[in-house]
Amino acid sequence: MENKQNEQMKQLGKPEAMIFDMDGTLFKTETLLLPVYHRVFDTLREEGLYSGETPPEELILGCLGMLLEDIWKKVIPNQSEEVHLRANDLLLEYELIGLQEYVTELYPHVQSTLEELSRRGVRLFVASNGLEHYVKEVAKAHHIFPLFEGLYSAGEHKTASKVDLVKLLLDNHGVSSAWMVGDRSSDVEAGIKNGQAVIGCAYAGFGQGAELQGSDVLITNFNELLELYEQAKL
């Protein structure tokens, strides 16, 4: 496996930019999402919009990386659009509050690795299927916001897929060579369909097996990006 990994490292071209997914890639999402998730359903019950037990946590965790409108169709498929929209509003409200109230975490070595990549002249971006305020506030709360040239979200740009979001980012910033770094099949697809290399993040536990099929390289620790960058061809 190591020889194959080294071989793959040599095949990668040195990118001018790296584009990161947020949830499950930079941000350890469950440290915020799980308490917020239960709070959302407590409120929905209080408001008479939902009855019964809160759906299993595995359902919401399995939806990470999806567009928000699709998440509720998976988690509470038999509920009305009114309930889905209210759940959207509550999720964002409680996430923004939670970033101040809860102890939330980036994955190990994320901040130091991003800082080092920036020092080496790599242009850094985020492309997330999340909501605009959520994505930006996570970056601000964890002191990585200034490192990014742009933070793109489906919520802000109203894109139908991450393929479209990454294309918009590449076009807007004149980026021709990038690594798409993420943990879900949508990240792999966004990189491949935009002609960019894909680094699959296998450390989060959400994107496993077929999720990361098609990645050029899999990493099990975020700081492996530095070695990959060093090994990449000019």
C-alpha atoms as a PDB file:
ATOM      1  CA  MET A   1       0.000   0.000   0.000  1.00  0.00           C
ATOM      2  CA  GLU A   2       2.848   2.337   0.872  1.00  0.00           C
ATOM      3  CA  ASN A   3       4.552   1.761  -2.486  1.00  0.00           C
ATOM      4  CA  LYS A   4       1.289   2.437  -4.284  1.00  0.00           C
ATOM      5  CA  GLN A   5       0.797   5.600  -2.240  1.00  0.00           C
ATOM      6  CA  ASN A   6       4.311   6.784  -3.076  1.00  0.00           C
ATOM      7  CA  GLU A   7       3.697   6.056  -6.730  1.00  0.00           C
ATOM      8  CA  GLN A   8       0.503   8.087  -6.608  1.00  0.00           C
ATOM      9  CA  MET A   9       2.320  10.953  -4.892  1.00  0.00           C
ATOM     10  CA  LYS A  10       4.792  11.145  -7.774  1.00  0.00           C
ATOM     11  CA  GLN A  11       1.969  11.292 -10.290  1.00  0.00           C
ATOM     12  CA  LEU A  12       0.340  14.351  -8.744  1.00  0.00           C
ATOM     13  CA  GLY A  13       1.166  17.733 -10.203  1.00  0.00           C
ATOM     14  CA  LYS A  14       1.999  20.566  -7.803  1.00  0.00           C
ATOM     15  CA  PRO A  15      -1.183  22.632  -7.523  1.00  0.00           C
ATOM     16  CA  GLU A  16      -1.509  26.384  -7.397  1.00  0.00           C
ATOM     17  CA  ALA A  17      -4.546  25.969  -5.127  1.00  0.00           C
ATOM     18  CA  MET A  18      -6.238  23.550  -2.754  1.00  0.00           C
ATOM     19  CA  ILE A  19     -10.010  23.466  -2.328  1.00  0.00           C
ATOM     20  CA  PHE A  20     -11.337  22.005   0.907  1.00  0.00           C
ATOM     21  CA  ASP A  21     -14.672  20.645   1.928  1.00  0.00           C
ATOM     22  CA  MET A  22     -15.590  21.881   5.422  1.00  0.00           C
ATOM     23  CA  ASP A  23     -17.556  19.181   7.285  1.00  0.00           C
ATOM     24  CA  GLY A  24     -15.626  15.963   7.828  1.00  0.00           C
ATOM     25  CA  THR A  25     -12.528  17.458   6.217  1.00  0.00           C
ATOM     26  CA  LEU A  26     -11.513  20.554   8.169  1.00  0.00           C
ATOM     27  CA  PHE A  27     -14.185  20.644  10.851  1.00  0.00           C
ATOM     28  CA  LYS A  28     -15.000  17.789  13.222  1.00  0.00           C
ATOM     29  CA  THR A  29     -18.674  18.360  12.575  1.00  0.00           C
ATOM     30  CA  GLU A  30     -20.170  16.047  15.151  1.00  0.00           C
ATOM     31  CA  THR A  31     -18.747  18.207  17.968  1.00  0.00           C
ATOM     32  CA  LEU A  32     -21.306  20.835  16.957  1.00  0.00           C
ATOM     33  CA  LEU A  33     -23.913  18.975  14.960  1.00  0.00           C
ATOM     34  CA  LEU A  34     -25.012  16.344  17.465  1.00  0.00           C
ATOM     35  CA  PRO A  35     -26.026  18.658  20.332  1.00  0.00           C
ATOM     36  CA  VAL A  36     -27.623  21.028  17.808  1.00  0.00           C
ATOM     37  CA  TYR A  37     -29.503  18.164  16.138  1.00  0.00           C
ATOM     38  CA  HIS A  38     -31.190  17.180  19.402  1.00  0.00           C
ATOM     39  CA  ARG A  39     -31.984  20.818  20.161  1.00  0.00           C
ATOM     40  CA  VAL A  40     -33.685  21.199  16.756  1.00  0.00           C
ATOM     41  CA  PHE A  41     -36.014  18.277  17.412  1.00  0.00           C
ATOM     42  CA  ASP A  42     -36.753  19.450  20.956  1.00  0.00           C
ATOM     43  CA  THR A  43     -37.930  22.753  19.470  1.00  0.00           C
ATOM     44  CA  LEU A  44     -39.921  21.110  16.671  1.00  0.00           C
ATOM     45  CA  ARG A  45     -41.772  19.073  19.297  1.00  0.00           C
ATOM     46  CA  GLU A  46     -42.356  22.156  21.450  1.00  0.00           C
ATOM     47  CA  GLU A  47     -43.816  23.960  18.422  1.00  0.00           C
ATOM     48  CA  GLY A  48     -46.090  21.037  17.578  1.00  0.00           C
ATOM     49  CA  LEU A  49     -44.387  20.444  14.228  1.00  0.00           C
ATOM     50  CA  TYR A  50     -43.003  17.015  15.085  1.00  0.00           C
ATOM     51  CA  SER A  51     -43.930  14.188  17.409  1.00  0.00           C
ATOM     52  CA  GLY A  52     -42.105  11.041  18.400  1.00  0.00           C
ATOM     53  CA  GLU A  53     -38.478  10.287  19.086  1.00  0.00           C
ATOM     54  CA  THR A  54     -35.590  12.161  17.534  1.00  0.00           C
ATOM     55  CA  PRO A  55     -34.333  10.140  14.535  1.00  0.00           C
ATOM     56  CA  PRO A  56     -31.053   8.260  15.157  1.00  0.00           C
ATOM     57  CA  GLU A  57     -27.885  10.362  15.053  1.00  0.00           C
ATOM     58  CA  GLU A  58     -26.491   8.037  12.392  1.00  0.00           C
ATOM     59  CA  LEU A  59     -29.054   9.417   9.943  1.00  0.00           C
ATOM     60  CA  ILE A  60     -27.848  13.023  10.157  1.00  0.00           C
ATOM     61  CA  LEU A  61     -24.181  12.007  10.255  1.00  0.00           C
ATOM     62  CA  GLY A  62     -24.705   9.917   7.129  1.00  0.00           C
ATOM     63  CA  CYS A  63     -26.037  12.990   5.337  1.00  0.00           C
ATOM     64  CA  LEU A  64     -22.977  15.160   5.845  1.00  0.00           C
ATOM     65  CA  GLY A  65     -21.871  16.648   2.550  1.00  0.00           C
ATOM     66  CA  MET A  66     -25.379  16.683   1.087  1.00  0.00           C
ATOM     67  CA  LEU A  67     -27.362  19.809   0.277  1.00  0.00           C
ATOM     68  CA  LEU A  68     -29.479  20.852   3.244  1.00  0.00           C
ATOM     69  CA  GLU A  69     -32.752  20.433   1.357  1.00  0.00           C
ATOM     70  CA  ASP A  70     -31.821  16.800   0.688  1.00  0.00           C
ATOM     71  CA  ILE A  71     -30.748  16.099   4.269  1.00  0.00           C
ATOM     72  CA  TRP A  72     -34.229  16.514   5.747  1.00  0.00           C
ATOM     73  CA  LYS A  73     -35.729  14.346   2.998  1.00  0.00           C
ATOM     74  CA  LYS A  74     -33.504  11.562   4.330  1.00  0.00           C
ATOM     75  CA  VAL A  75     -33.830  12.275   8.049  1.00  0.00           C
ATOM     76  CA  ILE A  76     -37.582  13.038   8.213  1.00  0.00           C
ATOM     77  CA  PRO A  77     -38.910  11.987   4.801  1.00  0.00           C
ATOM     78  CA  ASN A  78     -42.566  11.852   5.838  1.00  0.00           C
ATOM     79  CA  GLN A  79     -42.713  15.437   7.088  1.00  0.00           C
ATOM     80  CA  SER A  80     -44.039  18.435   5.171  1.00  0.00           C
ATOM     81  CA  GLU A  81     -41.971  21.113   3.452  1.00  0.00           C
ATOM     82  CA  GLU A  82     -43.019  23.459   6.267  1.00  0.00           C
ATOM     83  CA  VAL A  83     -41.314  21.219   8.809  1.00  0.00           C
ATOM     84  CA  HIS A  84     -38.219  20.877   6.620  1.00  0.00           C
ATOM     85  CA  LEU A  85     -37.938  24.652   6.230  1.00  0.00           C
ATOM     86  CA  ARG A  86     -38.372  25.218   9.960  1.00  0.00           C
ATOM     87  CA  ALA A  87     -35.723  22.583  10.657  1.00  0.00           C
ATOM     88  CA  ASN A  88     -33.382  24.453   8.276  1.00  0.00           C
ATOM     89  CA  ASP A  89     -33.880  27.712  10.156  1.00  0.00           C
ATOM     90  CA  LEU A  90     -33.434  26.108  13.551  1.00  0.00           C
ATOM     91  CA  LEU A  91     -30.335  24.203  12.467  1.00  0.00           C
ATOM     92  CA  LEU A  92     -28.557  27.364  11.332  1.00  0.00           C
ATOM     93  CA  GLU A  93     -29.700  29.355  14.367  1.00  0.00           C
ATOM     94  CA  TYR A  94     -28.527  26.718  16.825  1.00  0.00           C
ATOM     95  CA  GLU A  95     -25.281  26.056  14.956  1.00  0.00           C
ATOM     96  CA  LEU A  96     -24.305  29.718  15.127  1.00  0.00           C
ATOM     97  CA  ILE A  97     -25.175  29.793  18.839  1.00  0.00           C
ATOM     98  CA  GLY A  98     -23.400  26.487  19.376  1.00  0.00           C
ATOM     99  CA  LEU A  99     -20.148  27.752  17.869  1.00  0.00           C
ATOM    100  CA  GLN A 100     -20.025  30.187  20.787  1.00  0.00           C
ATOM    101  CA  GLU A 101     -21.438  27.907  23.499  1.00  0.00           C
ATOM    102  CA  TYR A 102     -20.005  24.452  22.760  1.00  0.00           C
ATOM    103  CA  VAL A 103     -16.462  23.149  22.633  1.00  0.00           C
ATOM    104  CA  THR A 104     -16.047  22.355  18.932  1.00  0.00           C
ATOM    105  CA  GLU A 105     -12.980  21.083  17.110  1.00  0.00           C
ATOM    106  CA  LEU A 106     -11.083  21.079  13.863  1.00  0.00           C
ATOM    107  CA  TYR A 107      -9.386  17.803  12.961  1.00  0.00           C
ATOM    108  CA  PRO A 108      -5.814  17.426  14.257  1.00  0.00           C
ATOM    109  CA  HIS A 109      -3.163  19.505  12.450  1.00  0.00           C
ATOM    110  CA  VAL A 110      -5.679  21.408  10.301  1.00  0.00           C
ATOM    111  CA  GLN A 111      -4.703  24.914  11.381  1.00  0.00           C
ATOM    112  CA  SER A 112      -0.938  24.341  11.349  1.00  0.00           C
ATOM    113  CA  THR A 113      -1.085  22.570   7.974  1.00  0.00           C
ATOM    114  CA  LEU A 114      -3.183  25.307   6.383  1.00  0.00           C
ATOM    115  CA  GLU A 115      -0.810  27.935   7.741  1.00  0.00           C
ATOM    116  CA  GLU A 116       2.193  26.097   6.301  1.00  0.00           C
ATOM    117  CA  LEU A 117       0.550  25.613   2.909  1.00  0.00           C
ATOM    118  CA  SER A 118      -0.290  29.312   2.848  1.00  0.00           C
ATOM    119  CA  ARG A 119       3.329  30.181   3.687  1.00  0.00           C
ATOM    120  CA  ARG A 120       4.399  28.068   0.737  1.00  0.00           C
ATOM    121  CA  GLY A 121       2.221  30.119  -1.569  1.00  0.00           C
ATOM    122  CA  VAL A 122      -0.677  27.682  -2.046  1.00  0.00           C
ATOM    123  CA  ARG A 123      -3.981  29.464  -2.646  1.00  0.00           C
ATOM    124  CA  LEU A 124      -6.566  28.077  -0.218  1.00  0.00           C
ATOM    125  CA  PHE A 125     -10.335  27.834  -0.712  1.00  0.00           C
ATOM    126  CA  VAL A 126     -13.376  26.183   0.836  1.00  0.00           C
ATOM    127  CA  ALA A 127     -16.206  24.639  -1.204  1.00  0.00           C
ATOM    128  CA  SER A 128     -19.041  23.381   0.967  1.00  0.00           C
ATOM    129  CA  ASN A 129     -22.628  22.297   0.400  1.00  0.00           C
ATOM    130  CA  GLY A 130     -23.501  24.036   3.671  1.00  0.00           C
ATOM    131  CA  LEU A 131     -25.101  27.382   4.420  1.00  0.00           C
ATOM    132  CA  GLU A 132     -23.078  30.572   3.957  1.00  0.00           C
ATOM    133  CA  HIS A 133     -23.154  31.855   7.538  1.00  0.00           C
ATOM    134  CA  TYR A 134     -22.431  28.420   8.960  1.00  0.00           C
ATOM    135  CA  VAL A 135     -19.361  27.841   6.761  1.00  0.00           C
ATOM    136  CA  LYS A 136     -17.921  31.301   7.419  1.00  0.00           C
ATOM    137  CA  GLU A 137     -18.621  31.254  11.151  1.00  0.00           C
ATOM    138  CA  VAL A 138     -16.958  27.853  11.583  1.00  0.00           C
ATOM    139  CA  ALA A 139     -13.837  29.264   9.915  1.00  0.00           C
ATOM    140  CA  LYS A 140     -13.951  32.415  12.052  1.00  0.00           C
ATOM    141  CA  ALA A 141     -14.578  30.554  15.314  1.00  0.00           C
ATOM    142  CA  HIS A 142     -11.523  28.373  14.711  1.00  0.00           C
ATOM    143  CA  HIS A 143      -9.272  31.212  13.492  1.00  0.00           C
ATOM    144  CA  ILE A 144      -8.675  29.905   9.970  1.00  0.00           C
ATOM    145  CA  PHE A 145     -10.883  32.371   8.078  1.00  0.00           C
ATOM    146  CA  PRO A 146      -8.018  34.724   7.046  1.00  0.00           C
ATOM    147  CA  LEU A 147      -6.098  31.847   5.447  1.00  0.00           C
ATOM    148  CA  PHE A 148      -8.673  31.408   2.668  1.00  0.00           C
ATOM    149  CA  GLU A 149      -8.879  33.402  -0.520  1.00  0.00           C
ATOM    150  CA  GLY A 150     -12.528  32.419  -0.818  1.00  0.00           C
ATOM    151  CA  LEU A 151     -15.121  30.420   1.115  1.00  0.00           C
ATOM    152  CA  TYR A 152     -17.759  29.121  -1.279  1.00  0.00           C
ATOM    153  CA  SER A 153     -21.004  27.559  -0.114  1.00  0.00           C
ATOM    154  CA  ALA A 154     -24.053  26.190  -1.870  1.00  0.00           C
ATOM    155  CA  GLY A 155     -26.119  28.320   0.470  1.00  0.00           C
ATOM    156  CA  GLU A 156     -24.551  31.522  -0.813  1.00  0.00           C
ATOM    157  CA  HIS A 157     -24.231  30.686  -4.501  1.00  0.00           C
ATOM    158  CA  LYS A 158     -27.407  28.572  -4.889  1.00  0.00           C
ATOM    159  CA  THR A 159     -25.580  25.855  -6.803  1.00  0.00           C
ATOM    160  CA  ALA A 160     -27.319  22.548  -7.472  1.00  0.00           C
ATOM    161  CA  SER A 161     -24.192  20.427  -6.940  1.00  0.00           C
ATOM    162  CA  LYS A 162     -20.634  20.674  -5.678  1.00  0.00           C
ATOM    163  CA  VAL A 163     -19.482  20.197  -9.284  1.00  0.00           C
ATOM    164  CA  ASP A 164     -21.138  23.518 -10.132  1.00  0.00           C
ATOM    165  CA  LEU A 165     -19.818  25.203  -6.989  1.00  0.00           C
ATOM    166  CA  VAL A 166     -16.210  24.204  -7.666  1.00  0.00           C
ATOM    167  CA  LYS A 167     -16.496  25.244 -11.322  1.00  0.00           C
ATOM    168  CA  LEU A 168     -17.720  28.667 -10.205  1.00  0.00           C
ATOM    169  CA  LEU A 169     -14.825  28.969  -7.771  1.00  0.00           C
ATOM    170  CA  LEU A 170     -12.235  27.958 -10.376  1.00  0.00           C
ATOM    171  CA  ASP A 171     -13.648  30.374 -12.931  1.00  0.00           C
ATOM    172  CA  ASN A 172     -14.009  33.298 -10.529  1.00  0.00           C
ATOM    173  CA  HIS A 173     -10.436  33.027  -9.268  1.00  0.00           C
ATOM    174  CA  GLY A 174      -8.711  31.969 -12.478  1.00  0.00           C
ATOM    175  CA  VAL A 175      -7.454  28.712 -10.959  1.00  0.00           C
ATOM    176  CA  SER A 176      -6.211  26.164 -13.485  1.00  0.00           C
ATOM    177  CA  SER A 177      -4.588  23.546 -11.234  1.00  0.00           C
ATOM    178  CA  ALA A 178      -6.019  22.543  -7.865  1.00  0.00           C
ATOM    179  CA  TRP A 179      -6.415  19.646  -5.483  1.00  0.00           C
ATOM    180  CA  MET A 180      -9.957  18.989  -4.312  1.00  0.00           C
ATOM    181  CA  VAL A 181      -9.671  17.762  -0.710  1.00  0.00           C
ATOM    182  CA  GLY A 182     -12.734  16.138   0.857  1.00  0.00           C
ATOM    183  CA  ASP A 183     -14.364  13.126   2.459  1.00  0.00           C
ATOM    184  CA  ARG A 184     -17.485  12.474   0.382  1.00  0.00           C
ATOM    185  CA  SER A 185     -18.366  11.229  -3.098  1.00  0.00           C
ATOM    186  CA  SER A 186     -19.590  14.731  -3.966  1.00  0.00           C
ATOM    187  CA  ASP A 187     -16.037  16.028  -3.391  1.00  0.00           C
ATOM    188  CA  VAL A 188     -14.561  13.299  -5.584  1.00  0.00           C
ATOM    189  CA  GLU A 189     -17.082  14.041  -8.314  1.00  0.00           C
ATOM    190  CA  ALA A 190     -16.445  17.796  -8.083  1.00  0.00           C
ATOM    191  CA  GLY A 191     -12.721  17.307  -8.544  1.00  0.00           C
ATOM    192  CA  ILE A 192     -12.938  14.795 -11.359  1.00  0.00           C
ATOM    193  CA  LYS A 193     -15.597  16.612 -13.380  1.00  0.00           C
ATOM    194  CA  ASN A 194     -13.629  19.847 -13.120  1.00  0.00           C
ATOM    195  CA  GLY A 195     -10.407  18.160 -14.226  1.00  0.00           C
ATOM    196  CA  GLN A 196      -8.614  18.457 -10.877  1.00  0.00           C
ATOM    197  CA  ALA A 197      -6.794  15.960  -8.668  1.00  0.00           C
ATOM    198  CA  VAL A 198      -8.719  14.578  -5.688  1.00  0.00           C
ATOM    199  CA  ILE A 199      -7.338  13.927  -2.211  1.00  0.00           C
ATOM    200  CA  GLY A 200      -9.757  11.721  -0.263  1.00  0.00           C
ATOM    201  CA  CYS A 201      -9.882  12.214   3.509  1.00  0.00           C
ATOM    202  CA  ALA A 202     -10.310   8.827   5.150  1.00  0.00           C
ATOM    203  CA  TYR A 203      -9.957   9.970   8.759  1.00  0.00           C
ATOM    204  CA  ALA A 204     -13.445  11.321   9.501  1.00  0.00           C
ATOM    205  CA  GLY A 205     -15.331   8.050   9.389  1.00  0.00           C
ATOM    206  CA  PHE A 206     -18.233   9.506   7.384  1.00  0.00           C
ATOM    207  CA  GLY A 207     -16.755   8.992   3.929  1.00  0.00           C
ATOM    208  CA  GLN A 208     -15.569   5.414   3.673  1.00  0.00           C
ATOM    209  CA  GLY A 209     -15.436   2.659   1.089  1.00  0.00           C
ATOM    210  CA  ALA A 210     -17.208   3.612  -2.125  1.00  0.00           C
ATOM    211  CA  GLU A 211     -17.550   7.231  -0.956  1.00  0.00           C
ATOM    212  CA  LEU A 212     -13.921   7.955  -1.802  1.00  0.00           C
ATOM    213  CA  GLN A 213     -13.583   5.713  -4.851  1.00  0.00           C
ATOM    214  CA  GLY A 214     -11.898   7.644  -7.641  1.00  0.00           C
ATOM    215  CA  SER A 215      -9.638   9.703  -5.363  1.00  0.00           C
ATOM    216  CA  ASP A 216      -6.061  10.063  -6.587  1.00  0.00           C
ATOM    217  CA  VAL A 217      -4.709   9.662  -3.050  1.00  0.00           C
ATOM    218  CA  LEU A 218      -6.248   8.804   0.316  1.00  0.00           C
ATOM    219  CA  ILE A 219      -4.928  10.433   3.480  1.00  0.00           C
ATOM    220  CA  THR A 220      -5.503   9.321   7.066  1.00  0.00           C
ATOM    221  CA  ASN A 221      -4.148  12.471   8.706  1.00  0.00           C
ATOM    222  CA  PHE A 222      -4.587  16.039   7.496  1.00  0.00           C
ATOM    223  CA  ASN A 223      -0.897  16.923   7.740  1.00  0.00           C
ATOM    224  CA  GLU A 224      -0.088  14.317   5.083  1.00  0.00           C
ATOM    225  CA  LEU A 225      -0.986  17.077   2.629  1.00  0.00           C
ATOM    226  CA  LEU A 226       2.403  18.682   3.282  1.00  0.00           C
ATOM    227  CA  GLU A 227       4.280  15.553   2.220  1.00  0.00           C
ATOM    228  CA  LEU A 228       2.047  15.156  -0.813  1.00  0.00           C
ATOM    229  CA  TYR A 229       2.728  18.750  -1.802  1.00  0.00           C
ATOM    230  CA  GLU A 230       6.474  18.279  -1.355  1.00  0.00           C
ATOM    231  CA  GLN A 231       6.441  15.115  -3.500  1.00  0.00           C
ATOM    232  CA  ALA A 232       4.239  16.529  -6.260  1.00  0.00           C
ATOM    233  CA  LYS A 233       5.776  17.305  -9.636  1.00  0.00           C
ATOM    234  CA  LEU A 234       6.230  20.877 -10.780  1.00  0.00           C
END
